[in-house]
Amino acid sequence: MTQRLMERRQILTFLGTLAAAGFVLPRMAFANWDKVAFEAKTMDEALKALGAGTPATSGDVQIVASDIAENGAVVPIQAISKLPNTERIAILVDKNPSMLAASFDLTPETIPEVTARIKMGQTSNVVVLVKADGKFYAASKEIKVTLGGCGG
């Protein structure tokens, strides 16, 4: 092996040891499996299962996605929260058979931005739900699907 490769391996091993010992903590979001919320068939059921009730609309919650998805099987969505103390970000699709597409619990050190590739069966509103300081906020965007992703 070359000297450079050996040095790189030593650095990676050292960083791995620090992480395993708890000295270096990765900053990440944790995908949350909430069975009741993921099985919800209506938006009201999904919001209730997530504990949201009726969330307030907020300009501090942003959805970054194309207006048109050429293939509903893979629709990239980025959800951004500019709200302080963001605890959770969820992505819901109004006309999907199951409303909740993704849910992420965030640690206080995490930058409150998540990106996911979701399935959309048809043109629908995508809702990003954010829990911050124990309150819920939402933003919505219609995404047109030209080729269905949920069996279409």
N, C-alpha and C. Protein backbone atom coordinates (compact mmCIF):
# COMPACT_ATOMS: atom_id res chain seq x y z
N MET A 1 0.83 -1.18 0.00
CA MET A 1 0.00 0.00 0.00
C MET A 1 0.87 1.24 0.00
N THR A 2 0.31 2.27 -0.55
CA THR A 2 1.05 3.52 -0.57
C THR A 2 0.97 4.19 0.80
N GLN A 3 1.90 5.07 1.04
CA GLN A 3 1.96 5.79 2.32
C GLN A 3 0.68 6.60 2.54
N ARG A 4 0.19 7.23 1.49
CA ARG A 4 -1.00 8.07 1.59
C ARG A 4 -2.22 7.25 1.99
N LEU A 5 -2.37 6.07 1.41
CA LEU A 5 -3.49 5.19 1.74
C LEU A 5 -3.41 4.73 3.18
N MET A 6 -2.21 4.42 3.65
CA MET A 6 -2.02 4.01 5.04
C MET A 6 -2.40 5.15 6.00
N GLU A 7 -1.99 6.37 5.67
CA GLU A 7 -2.31 7.51 6.52
C GLU A 7 -3.83 7.73 6.56
N ARG A 8 -4.47 7.59 5.43
CA ARG A 8 -5.92 7.77 5.37
C ARG A 8 -6.63 6.72 6.22
N ARG A 9 -6.20 5.49 6.13
CA ARG A 9 -6.80 4.42 6.94
C ARG A 9 -6.59 4.66 8.43
N GLN A 10 -5.41 5.14 8.79
CA GLN A 10 -5.14 5.43 10.20
C GLN A 10 -6.05 6.55 10.70
N ILE A 11 -6.26 7.57 9.91
CA ILE A 11 -7.15 8.68 10.30
C ILE A 11 -8.58 8.18 10.45
N LEU A 12 -9.06 7.40 9.48
CA LEU A 12 -10.42 6.88 9.55
C LEU A 12 -10.61 5.94 10.74
N THR A 13 -9.61 5.13 11.02
CA THR A 13 -9.67 4.25 12.19
C THR A 13 -9.72 5.06 13.47
N PHE A 14 -8.90 6.11 13.55
CA PHE A 14 -8.88 6.98 14.72
C PHE A 14 -10.24 7.66 14.92
N LEU A 15 -10.82 8.21 13.85
CA LEU A 15 -12.12 8.86 13.94
C LEU A 15 -13.21 7.86 14.33
N GLY A 16 -13.14 6.66 13.79
CA GLY A 16 -14.10 5.62 14.15
C GLY A 16 -14.01 5.25 15.61
N THR A 17 -12.80 5.18 16.14
CA THR A 17 -12.60 4.89 17.56
C THR A 17 -13.18 6.00 18.43
N LEU A 18 -12.95 7.25 18.04
CA LEU A 18 -13.51 8.38 18.79
C LEU A 18 -15.04 8.35 18.77
N ALA A 19 -15.63 8.04 17.62
CA ALA A 19 -17.10 7.97 17.52
C ALA A 19 -17.63 6.84 18.38
N ALA A 20 -16.98 5.68 18.34
CA ALA A 20 -17.43 4.53 19.14
C ALA A 20 -17.32 4.82 20.64
N ALA A 21 -16.34 5.60 21.02
CA ALA A 21 -16.16 5.94 22.44
C ALA A 21 -17.08 7.07 22.88
N GLY A 22 -17.77 7.69 21.93
CA GLY A 22 -18.70 8.76 22.28
C GLY A 22 -18.09 10.15 22.30
N PHE A 23 -16.84 10.27 21.88
CA PHE A 23 -16.20 11.59 21.87
C PHE A 23 -16.62 12.41 20.66
N VAL A 24 -16.94 11.76 19.56
CA VAL A 24 -17.41 12.42 18.36
C VAL A 24 -18.78 11.85 18.06
N LEU A 25 -19.77 12.71 17.99
CA LEU A 25 -21.13 12.24 17.73
C LEU A 25 -21.56 12.69 16.34
N PRO A 26 -22.04 11.78 15.52
CA PRO A 26 -22.56 12.19 14.22
C PRO A 26 -23.83 13.00 14.41
N ARG A 27 -24.00 14.00 13.61
CA ARG A 27 -25.22 14.81 13.66
C ARG A 27 -26.13 14.33 12.56
N MET A 28 -27.26 13.77 12.97
CA MET A 28 -28.12 13.15 11.97
C MET A 28 -29.56 13.16 12.41
N ALA A 29 -30.43 12.94 11.45
CA ALA A 29 -31.85 12.76 11.72
C ALA A 29 -32.11 11.27 11.81
N PHE A 30 -33.08 10.91 12.60
CA PHE A 30 -33.44 9.51 12.74
C PHE A 30 -34.79 9.29 12.09
N ALA A 31 -34.87 8.36 11.16
CA ALA A 31 -36.16 8.03 10.56
C ALA A 31 -37.02 7.41 11.64
N ASN A 32 -38.25 7.82 11.70
CA ASN A 32 -39.15 7.39 12.76
C ASN A 32 -40.22 6.47 12.16
N TRP A 33 -40.40 5.30 12.75
CA TRP A 33 -41.45 4.39 12.28
C TRP A 33 -42.63 4.50 13.23
N ASP A 34 -43.65 5.21 12.81
CA ASP A 34 -44.87 5.38 13.58
C ASP A 34 -45.96 4.64 12.82
N LYS A 35 -46.21 3.39 13.21
CA LYS A 35 -47.08 2.50 12.46
C LYS A 35 -48.46 3.10 12.19
N VAL A 36 -49.08 3.69 13.21
CA VAL A 36 -50.43 4.26 13.04
C VAL A 36 -50.40 5.39 12.02
N ALA A 37 -49.41 6.27 12.12
CA ALA A 37 -49.32 7.40 11.19
C ALA A 37 -49.04 6.93 9.77
N PHE A 38 -48.17 5.94 9.61
CA PHE A 38 -47.85 5.45 8.26
C PHE A 38 -49.01 4.69 7.64
N GLU A 39 -49.91 4.16 8.45
CA GLU A 39 -51.06 3.43 7.92
C GLU A 39 -52.29 4.31 7.73
N ALA A 40 -52.22 5.59 8.09
CA ALA A 40 -53.35 6.50 7.97
C ALA A 40 -53.78 6.64 6.51
N LYS A 41 -55.07 6.62 6.28
CA LYS A 41 -55.61 6.68 4.92
C LYS A 41 -56.12 8.07 4.54
N THR A 42 -56.27 8.96 5.53
CA THR A 42 -56.69 10.33 5.24
C THR A 42 -55.70 11.29 5.89
N MET A 43 -55.70 12.53 5.41
CA MET A 43 -54.79 13.52 5.97
C MET A 43 -55.13 13.79 7.43
N ASP A 44 -56.41 13.88 7.77
CA ASP A 44 -56.81 14.12 9.16
C ASP A 44 -56.32 13.00 10.08
N GLU A 45 -56.44 11.74 9.63
CA GLU A 45 -55.96 10.60 10.43
C GLU A 45 -54.44 10.69 10.63
N ALA A 46 -53.72 11.03 9.58
CA ALA A 46 -52.26 11.12 9.67
C ALA A 46 -51.85 12.24 10.63
N LEU A 47 -52.49 13.40 10.50
CA LEU A 47 -52.16 14.51 11.39
C LEU A 47 -52.48 14.17 12.84
N LYS A 48 -53.60 13.51 13.05
CA LYS A 48 -53.98 13.10 14.41
C LYS A 48 -52.96 12.10 14.98
N ALA A 49 -52.56 11.13 14.16
CA ALA A 49 -51.59 10.13 14.61
C ALA A 49 -50.24 10.76 14.94
N LEU A 50 -49.89 11.82 14.25
CA LEU A 50 -48.63 12.53 14.50
C LEU A 50 -48.76 13.53 15.65
N GLY A 51 -49.99 13.71 16.15
CA GLY A 51 -50.22 14.63 17.25
C GLY A 51 -50.35 16.08 16.83
N ALA A 52 -50.59 16.30 15.54
CA ALA A 52 -50.54 17.65 14.99
C ALA A 52 -51.86 18.41 15.06
N GLY A 53 -53.00 17.73 15.04
CA GLY A 53 -54.26 18.46 14.98
C GLY A 53 -54.33 19.27 13.70
N THR A 54 -54.53 20.57 13.83
CA THR A 54 -54.53 21.47 12.67
C THR A 54 -53.29 22.35 12.76
N PRO A 55 -52.26 22.07 11.97
CA PRO A 55 -51.03 22.85 12.06
C PRO A 55 -51.20 24.25 11.47
N ALA A 56 -50.43 25.20 11.98
CA ALA A 56 -50.42 26.56 11.45
C ALA A 56 -49.59 26.59 10.18
N THR A 57 -50.02 27.36 9.21
CA THR A 57 -49.23 27.55 7.99
C THR A 57 -48.08 28.50 8.33
N SER A 58 -46.89 28.16 7.85
CA SER A 58 -45.72 28.97 8.18
C SER A 58 -44.82 29.15 6.97
N GLY A 59 -44.37 30.38 6.77
CA GLY A 59 -43.39 30.67 5.74
C GLY A 59 -42.00 30.18 6.11
N ASP A 60 -41.82 29.79 7.37
CA ASP A 60 -40.53 29.27 7.82
C ASP A 60 -40.37 27.78 7.53
N VAL A 61 -41.40 27.17 6.93
CA VAL A 61 -41.34 25.78 6.48
C VAL A 61 -41.33 25.83 4.95
N GLN A 62 -40.30 25.25 4.36
CA GLN A 62 -40.15 25.32 2.90
C GLN A 62 -40.10 23.94 2.28
N ILE A 63 -40.66 23.86 1.08
CA ILE A 63 -40.59 22.64 0.28
C ILE A 63 -39.82 22.97 -0.98
N VAL A 64 -38.75 22.22 -1.22
CA VAL A 64 -37.96 22.39 -2.43
C VAL A 64 -38.20 21.15 -3.28
N ALA A 65 -38.93 21.34 -4.38
CA ALA A 65 -39.26 20.24 -5.29
C ALA A 65 -39.68 20.83 -6.62
N SER A 66 -39.54 20.04 -7.66
CA SER A 66 -40.00 20.47 -8.98
C SER A 66 -41.51 20.56 -8.99
N ASP A 67 -42.04 21.45 -9.82
CA ASP A 67 -43.50 21.55 -9.97
C ASP A 67 -44.07 20.33 -10.68
N ILE A 68 -43.24 19.71 -11.54
CA ILE A 68 -43.68 18.54 -12.30
C ILE A 68 -42.70 17.40 -12.06
N ALA A 69 -43.25 16.23 -11.69
CA ALA A 69 -42.44 15.02 -11.53
C ALA A 69 -42.71 14.14 -12.74
N GLU A 70 -41.67 13.86 -13.50
CA GLU A 70 -41.85 13.03 -14.69
C GLU A 70 -42.12 11.58 -14.35
N ASN A 71 -41.68 11.14 -13.19
CA ASN A 71 -41.90 9.76 -12.78
C ASN A 71 -42.31 9.76 -11.31
N GLY A 72 -43.55 9.41 -11.04
CA GLY A 72 -44.07 9.42 -9.68
C GLY A 72 -43.42 8.39 -8.78
N ALA A 73 -42.68 7.44 -9.34
CA ALA A 73 -42.02 6.42 -8.53
C ALA A 73 -40.85 7.00 -7.75
N VAL A 74 -40.27 8.09 -8.25
CA VAL A 74 -39.11 8.70 -7.59
C VAL A 74 -39.27 10.22 -7.68
N VAL A 75 -39.79 10.81 -6.62
CA VAL A 75 -39.98 12.25 -6.59
C VAL A 75 -39.10 12.83 -5.48
N PRO A 76 -38.04 13.55 -5.84
CA PRO A 76 -37.17 14.12 -4.81
C PRO A 76 -37.84 15.33 -4.14
N ILE A 77 -37.82 15.33 -2.82
CA ILE A 77 -38.42 16.41 -2.03
C ILE A 77 -37.40 16.82 -0.97
N GLN A 78 -37.20 18.11 -0.82
CA GLN A 78 -36.38 18.61 0.28
C GLN A 78 -37.29 19.45 1.18
N ALA A 79 -37.24 19.18 2.47
CA ALA A 79 -38.02 19.91 3.46
C ALA A 79 -37.06 20.69 4.35
N ILE A 80 -37.32 21.98 4.49
CA ILE A 80 -36.44 22.84 5.26
C ILE A 80 -37.27 23.57 6.32
N SER A 81 -36.77 23.56 7.55
CA SER A 81 -37.41 24.31 8.62
C SER A 81 -36.46 25.41 9.07
N LYS A 82 -36.97 26.63 9.10
CA LYS A 82 -36.20 27.75 9.63
C LYS A 82 -36.69 28.10 11.03
N LEU A 83 -37.53 27.22 11.59
CA LEU A 83 -38.05 27.42 12.93
C LEU A 83 -37.04 26.95 13.97
N PRO A 84 -36.83 27.72 15.03
CA PRO A 84 -35.90 27.27 16.07
C PRO A 84 -36.44 26.05 16.81
N ASN A 85 -35.55 25.21 17.27
CA ASN A 85 -35.89 24.02 18.05
C ASN A 85 -36.78 23.05 17.29
N THR A 86 -36.47 22.82 16.02
CA THR A 86 -37.22 21.86 15.22
C THR A 86 -36.95 20.45 15.75
N GLU A 87 -38.02 19.73 16.04
CA GLU A 87 -37.92 18.39 16.61
C GLU A 87 -38.23 17.29 15.60
N ARG A 88 -39.12 17.58 14.66
CA ARG A 88 -39.56 16.55 13.71
C ARG A 88 -39.94 17.21 12.39
N ILE A 89 -39.63 16.51 11.29
CA ILE A 89 -40.08 16.91 9.96
C ILE A 89 -40.74 15.69 9.34
N ALA A 90 -41.96 15.87 8.85
CA ALA A 90 -42.69 14.79 8.19
C ALA A 90 -43.14 15.26 6.81
N ILE A 91 -43.17 14.31 5.87
CA ILE A 91 -43.62 14.60 4.51
C ILE A 91 -44.86 13.77 4.25
N LEU A 92 -45.96 14.43 3.87
CA LEU A 92 -47.23 13.76 3.62
C LEU A 92 -47.68 14.05 2.19
N VAL A 93 -48.34 13.07 1.58
CA VAL A 93 -48.84 13.22 0.22
C VAL A 93 -50.35 13.00 0.25
N ASP A 94 -51.09 14.03 -0.10
CA ASP A 94 -52.54 14.05 0.07
C ASP A 94 -53.27 12.91 -0.65
N LYS A 95 -52.90 12.59 -1.88
CA LYS A 95 -53.65 11.60 -2.65
C LYS A 95 -53.00 10.22 -2.71
N ASN A 96 -52.00 9.96 -1.89
CA ASN A 96 -51.41 8.63 -1.84
C ASN A 96 -52.30 7.71 -1.00
N PRO A 97 -52.22 6.39 -1.23
CA PRO A 97 -53.01 5.46 -0.42
C PRO A 97 -52.69 5.58 1.08
N SER A 98 -51.44 5.83 1.41
CA SER A 98 -51.03 6.13 2.78
C SER A 98 -50.46 7.54 2.75
N MET A 99 -50.99 8.41 3.58
CA MET A 99 -50.63 9.83 3.53
C MET A 99 -49.16 10.10 3.88
N LEU A 100 -48.67 9.46 4.95
CA LEU A 100 -47.33 9.75 5.44
C LEU A 100 -46.28 9.05 4.58
N ALA A 101 -45.42 9.85 3.95
CA ALA A 101 -44.36 9.30 3.11
C ALA A 101 -43.05 9.15 3.87
N ALA A 102 -42.77 10.07 4.80
CA ALA A 102 -41.52 10.02 5.56
C ALA A 102 -41.67 10.85 6.83
N SER A 103 -40.95 10.43 7.88
CA SER A 103 -40.96 11.17 9.14
C SER A 103 -39.57 11.06 9.76
N PHE A 104 -39.04 12.20 10.20
CA PHE A 104 -37.70 12.24 10.75
C PHE A 104 -37.72 12.97 12.09
N ASP A 105 -37.18 12.34 13.12
CA ASP A 105 -36.98 12.98 14.41
C ASP A 105 -35.58 13.58 14.39
N LEU A 106 -35.45 14.83 14.83
CA LEU A 106 -34.18 15.54 14.76
C LEU A 106 -33.63 15.81 16.15
N THR A 107 -32.33 15.74 16.25
CA THR A 107 -31.67 16.11 17.51
C THR A 107 -31.45 17.63 17.49
N PRO A 108 -31.22 18.24 18.64
CA PRO A 108 -31.01 19.70 18.66
C PRO A 108 -29.80 20.16 17.84
N GLU A 109 -28.82 19.29 17.66
CA GLU A 109 -27.63 19.66 16.90
C GLU A 109 -27.81 19.53 15.39
N THR A 110 -28.90 18.94 14.96
CA THR A 110 -29.11 18.66 13.55
C THR A 110 -29.59 19.90 12.81
N ILE A 111 -29.07 20.12 11.63
CA ILE A 111 -29.59 21.18 10.76
C ILE A 111 -30.97 20.69 10.30
N PRO A 112 -32.02 21.47 10.49
CA PRO A 112 -33.38 21.00 10.19
C PRO A 112 -33.73 21.01 8.70
N GLU A 113 -33.04 20.17 7.96
CA GLU A 113 -33.28 19.99 6.53
C GLU A 113 -33.21 18.50 6.24
N VAL A 114 -34.20 17.98 5.52
CA VAL A 114 -34.17 16.57 5.12
C VAL A 114 -34.51 16.47 3.63
N THR A 115 -33.98 15.46 3.02
CA THR A 115 -34.26 15.18 1.62
C THR A 115 -34.70 13.73 1.51
N ALA A 116 -35.74 13.50 0.74
CA ALA A 116 -36.24 12.14 0.55
C ALA A 116 -36.71 11.98 -0.89
N ARG A 117 -36.73 10.75 -1.32
CA ARG A 117 -37.32 10.40 -2.62
C ARG A 117 -38.59 9.63 -2.29
N ILE A 118 -39.71 10.20 -2.66
CA ILE A 118 -40.99 9.60 -2.30
C ILE A 118 -41.72 9.12 -3.55
N LYS A 119 -42.75 8.29 -3.34
CA LYS A 119 -43.62 7.85 -4.42
C LYS A 119 -44.88 8.68 -4.40
N MET A 120 -45.35 9.02 -5.59
CA MET A 120 -46.63 9.72 -5.72
C MET A 120 -47.43 9.02 -6.81
N GLY A 121 -48.63 8.61 -6.49
CA GLY A 121 -49.47 7.90 -7.44
C GLY A 121 -50.09 8.81 -8.48
N GLN A 122 -50.25 10.09 -8.14
CA GLN A 122 -50.89 11.03 -9.04
C GLN A 122 -50.57 12.45 -8.59
N THR A 123 -50.97 13.42 -9.39
CA THR A 123 -50.80 14.82 -9.01
C THR A 123 -51.46 15.05 -7.67
N SER A 124 -50.73 15.72 -6.77
CA SER A 124 -51.23 15.85 -5.41
C SER A 124 -50.53 16.99 -4.69
N ASN A 125 -51.14 17.41 -3.59
CA ASN A 125 -50.47 18.34 -2.68
C ASN A 125 -49.52 17.54 -1.80
N VAL A 126 -48.30 18.05 -1.66
CA VAL A 126 -47.33 17.50 -0.73
C VAL A 126 -47.28 18.47 0.45
N VAL A 127 -47.39 17.93 1.64
CA VAL A 127 -47.40 18.74 2.85
C VAL A 127 -46.16 18.40 3.67
N VAL A 128 -45.43 19.42 4.07
CA VAL A 128 -44.32 19.23 5.00
C VAL A 128 -44.81 19.73 6.35
N LEU A 129 -44.76 18.83 7.32
CA LEU A 129 -45.20 19.12 8.68
C LEU A 129 -43.97 19.21 9.57
N VAL A 130 -43.86 20.29 10.33
CA VAL A 130 -42.72 20.50 11.21
C VAL A 130 -43.23 20.67 12.64
N LYS A 131 -42.58 19.95 13.55
CA LYS A 131 -42.84 20.15 14.98
C LYS A 131 -41.65 20.91 15.54
N ALA A 132 -41.92 22.09 16.10
CA ALA A 132 -40.87 22.92 16.69
C ALA A 132 -41.40 23.51 17.99
N ASP A 133 -40.62 23.38 19.04
CA ASP A 133 -41.03 23.85 20.36
C ASP A 133 -42.40 23.31 20.78
N GLY A 134 -42.69 22.07 20.38
CA GLY A 134 -43.94 21.44 20.77
C GLY A 134 -45.15 21.85 19.95
N LYS A 135 -44.98 22.75 18.98
CA LYS A 135 -46.09 23.21 18.13
C LYS A 135 -45.86 22.71 16.70
N PHE A 136 -46.96 22.62 15.94
CA PHE A 136 -46.88 22.11 14.57
C PHE A 136 -47.12 23.22 13.56
N TYR A 137 -46.32 23.16 12.48
CA TYR A 137 -46.41 24.12 11.39
C TYR A 137 -46.35 23.34 10.09
N ALA A 138 -46.92 23.92 9.02
CA ALA A 138 -46.95 23.19 7.75
C ALA A 138 -46.80 24.13 6.57
N ALA A 139 -46.38 23.53 5.47
CA ALA A 139 -46.35 24.19 4.17
C ALA A 139 -46.84 23.15 3.16
N SER A 140 -47.39 23.62 2.06
CA SER A 140 -47.97 22.71 1.07
C SER A 140 -47.56 23.16 -0.33
N LYS A 141 -47.39 22.18 -1.21
CA LYS A 141 -47.05 22.47 -2.60
C LYS A 141 -47.68 21.40 -3.49
N GLU A 142 -48.33 21.83 -4.57
CA GLU A 142 -48.86 20.86 -5.53
C GLU A 142 -47.75 20.42 -6.47
N ILE A 143 -47.63 19.11 -6.64
CA ILE A 143 -46.66 18.55 -7.58
C ILE A 143 -47.45 17.73 -8.60
N LYS A 144 -47.25 18.06 -9.86
CA LYS A 144 -47.93 17.35 -10.93
C LYS A 144 -47.11 16.14 -11.32
N VAL A 145 -47.78 14.98 -11.42
CA VAL A 145 -47.11 13.74 -11.79
C VAL A 145 -47.54 13.35 -13.18
N THR A 146 -46.57 13.11 -14.08
CA THR A 146 -46.90 12.75 -15.46
C THR A 146 -46.95 11.23 -15.65
N LEU A 147 -46.26 10.47 -14.80
CA LEU A 147 -46.27 9.02 -14.87
C LEU A 147 -46.41 8.52 -13.45
N GLY A 148 -47.50 7.82 -13.13
CA GLY A 148 -47.79 7.39 -11.77
C GLY A 148 -46.72 6.51 -11.19
N GLY A 149 -46.53 6.61 -9.86
CA GLY A 149 -45.51 5.83 -9.19
C GLY A 149 -46.06 4.76 -8.28
N CYS A 150 -47.33 4.83 -7.94
CA CYS A 150 -47.92 3.86 -7.02
C CYS A 150 -48.78 2.88 -7.82
N GLY A 151 -48.16 2.13 -8.67
CA GLY A 151 -48.88 1.15 -9.45
C GLY A 151 -49.36 1.66 -10.79
N GLY A 152 -49.00 2.90 -11.17
CA GLY A 152 -49.51 3.48 -12.41
C GLY A 152 -48.46 3.67 -13.44
